[in-house]
């Protein structure tokens, strides 16, 4: 898979962020015929830090939903 588009987008994001900020860019194609669009990502942080940041965000956004309780 050609990931040049992710590297280009990541550089554009990095160039716009203030100092000491990181990012996670998630992307997935629309309209996959089999419905199995593969999510891809690029990040300026370690995988562990990115996962923890996503967990924190999901918990804050969906704290009242039962399916979120196992993430804590």
C-alpha atoms as a PDB file:
ATOM      1  CA  UNK A   1       0.000   0.000   0.000  1.00  0.00           C
ATOM      2  CA  UNK A   2       1.283   3.448  -0.908  1.00  0.00           C
ATOM      3  CA  UNK A   3       1.593   5.457   2.311  1.00  0.00           C
ATOM      4  CA  UNK A   4       3.147   8.568   0.796  1.00  0.00           C
ATOM      5  CA  UNK A   5      -0.160  10.396   1.230  1.00  0.00           C
ATOM      6  CA  UNK A   6       0.042   9.740   4.983  1.00  0.00           C
ATOM      7  CA  UNK A   7       3.587  11.080   5.218  1.00  0.00           C
ATOM      8  CA  UNK A   8       2.622  14.224   3.293  1.00  0.00           C
ATOM      9  CA  UNK A   9      -0.458  14.801   5.482  1.00  0.00           C
ATOM     10  CA  UNK A  10       1.586  14.151   8.639  1.00  0.00           C
ATOM     11  CA  UNK A  11       4.171  16.736   7.658  1.00  0.00           C
ATOM     12  CA  UNK A  12       1.428  19.297   6.959  1.00  0.00           C
ATOM     13  CA  UNK A  13      -0.108  18.643  10.385  1.00  0.00           C
ATOM     14  CA  UNK A  14       3.254  18.816  12.141  1.00  0.00           C
ATOM     15  CA  UNK A  15       4.042  22.136  10.435  1.00  0.00           C
ATOM     16  CA  UNK A  16       0.783  23.671  11.753  1.00  0.00           C
ATOM     17  CA  UNK A  17       0.911  22.482  15.373  1.00  0.00           C
ATOM     18  CA  UNK A  18       2.382  24.525  18.225  1.00  0.00           C
ATOM     19  CA  UNK A  19       5.548  23.317  19.926  1.00  0.00           C
ATOM     20  CA  UNK A  20       5.158  20.343  22.271  1.00  0.00           C
ATOM     21  CA  UNK A  21       2.034  19.056  20.505  1.00  0.00           C
ATOM     22  CA  UNK A  22       1.730  15.648  18.923  1.00  0.00           C
ATOM     23  CA  UNK A  23      -0.849  14.155  16.639  1.00  0.00           C
ATOM     24  CA  UNK A  24      -2.572  10.978  15.499  1.00  0.00           C
ATOM     25  CA  UNK A  25      -4.020  10.927  11.981  1.00  0.00           C
ATOM     26  CA  UNK A  26      -6.545   8.172  11.277  1.00  0.00           C
ATOM     27  CA  UNK A  27      -7.656   7.510   7.690  1.00  0.00           C
ATOM     28  CA  UNK A  28      -9.880   4.945   5.981  1.00  0.00           C
ATOM     29  CA  UNK A  29     -11.220   4.686   2.450  1.00  0.00           C
ATOM     30  CA  UNK A  30     -14.936   5.195   1.801  1.00  0.00           C
ATOM     31  CA  UNK A  31     -17.062   2.793  -0.157  1.00  0.00           C
ATOM     32  CA  UNK A  32     -15.075  -0.422   0.057  1.00  0.00           C
ATOM     33  CA  UNK A  33     -17.188  -2.995  -1.842  1.00  0.00           C
ATOM     34  CA  UNK A  34     -16.873  -5.660   0.864  1.00  0.00           C
ATOM     35  CA  UNK A  35     -17.364  -3.174   3.721  1.00  0.00           C
ATOM     36  CA  UNK A  36     -13.901  -3.932   5.106  1.00  0.00           C
ATOM     37  CA  UNK A  37     -12.229  -0.548   4.923  1.00  0.00           C
ATOM     38  CA  UNK A  38      -8.865  -0.814   6.664  1.00  0.00           C
ATOM     39  CA  UNK A  39      -8.077   1.997   9.066  1.00  0.00           C
ATOM     40  CA  UNK A  40      -4.520   3.298   8.762  1.00  0.00           C
ATOM     41  CA  UNK A  41      -2.745   5.815  10.941  1.00  0.00           C
ATOM     42  CA  UNK A  42       0.378   7.875  11.303  1.00  0.00           C
ATOM     43  CA  UNK A  43       1.464   9.576  14.490  1.00  0.00           C
ATOM     44  CA  UNK A  44       4.185  11.760  15.936  1.00  0.00           C
ATOM     45  CA  UNK A  45       4.153   9.803  19.196  1.00  0.00           C
ATOM     46  CA  UNK A  46       4.922   6.265  20.236  1.00  0.00           C
ATOM     47  CA  UNK A  47       2.264   3.627  19.613  1.00  0.00           C
ATOM     48  CA  UNK A  48       1.688   3.205  23.356  1.00  0.00           C
ATOM     49  CA  UNK A  49       1.234   6.953  23.893  1.00  0.00           C
ATOM     50  CA  UNK A  50      -1.106   7.186  20.897  1.00  0.00           C
ATOM     51  CA  UNK A  51      -3.255   4.306  22.173  1.00  0.00           C
ATOM     52  CA  UNK A  52      -3.423   5.833  25.662  1.00  0.00           C
ATOM     53  CA  UNK A  53      -4.432   9.207  24.196  1.00  0.00           C
ATOM     54  CA  UNK A  54      -7.189   7.553  22.132  1.00  0.00           C
ATOM     55  CA  UNK A  55      -8.429   5.625  25.188  1.00  0.00           C
ATOM     56  CA  UNK A  56      -8.559   8.823  27.242  1.00  0.00           C
ATOM     57  CA  UNK A  57     -10.472  10.596  24.479  1.00  0.00           C
ATOM     58  CA  UNK A  58     -12.940   7.708  24.029  1.00  0.00           C
ATOM     59  CA  UNK A  59     -13.577   7.499  27.767  1.00  0.00           C
ATOM     60  CA  UNK A  60     -14.234  11.262  28.024  1.00  0.00           C
ATOM     61  CA  UNK A  61     -16.510  11.260  24.970  1.00  0.00           C
ATOM     62  CA  UNK A  62     -18.430   8.092  25.808  1.00  0.00           C
ATOM     63  CA  UNK A  63     -18.139   7.630  29.565  1.00  0.00           C
ATOM     64  CA  UNK A  64     -21.822   6.872  29.947  1.00  0.00           C
ATOM     65  CA  UNK A  65     -21.789   4.046  27.395  1.00  0.00           C
ATOM     66  CA  UNK A  66     -21.454   0.499  28.769  1.00  0.00           C
ATOM     67  CA  UNK A  67     -19.012  -0.687  26.101  1.00  0.00           C
ATOM     68  CA  UNK A  68     -16.425   1.831  27.320  1.00  0.00           C
ATOM     69  CA  UNK A  69     -16.136   0.516  30.876  1.00  0.00           C
ATOM     70  CA  UNK A  70     -13.482  -2.098  30.070  1.00  0.00           C
ATOM     71  CA  UNK A  71     -10.998   0.544  28.813  1.00  0.00           C
ATOM     72  CA  UNK A  72     -10.290   2.060  32.225  1.00  0.00           C
END
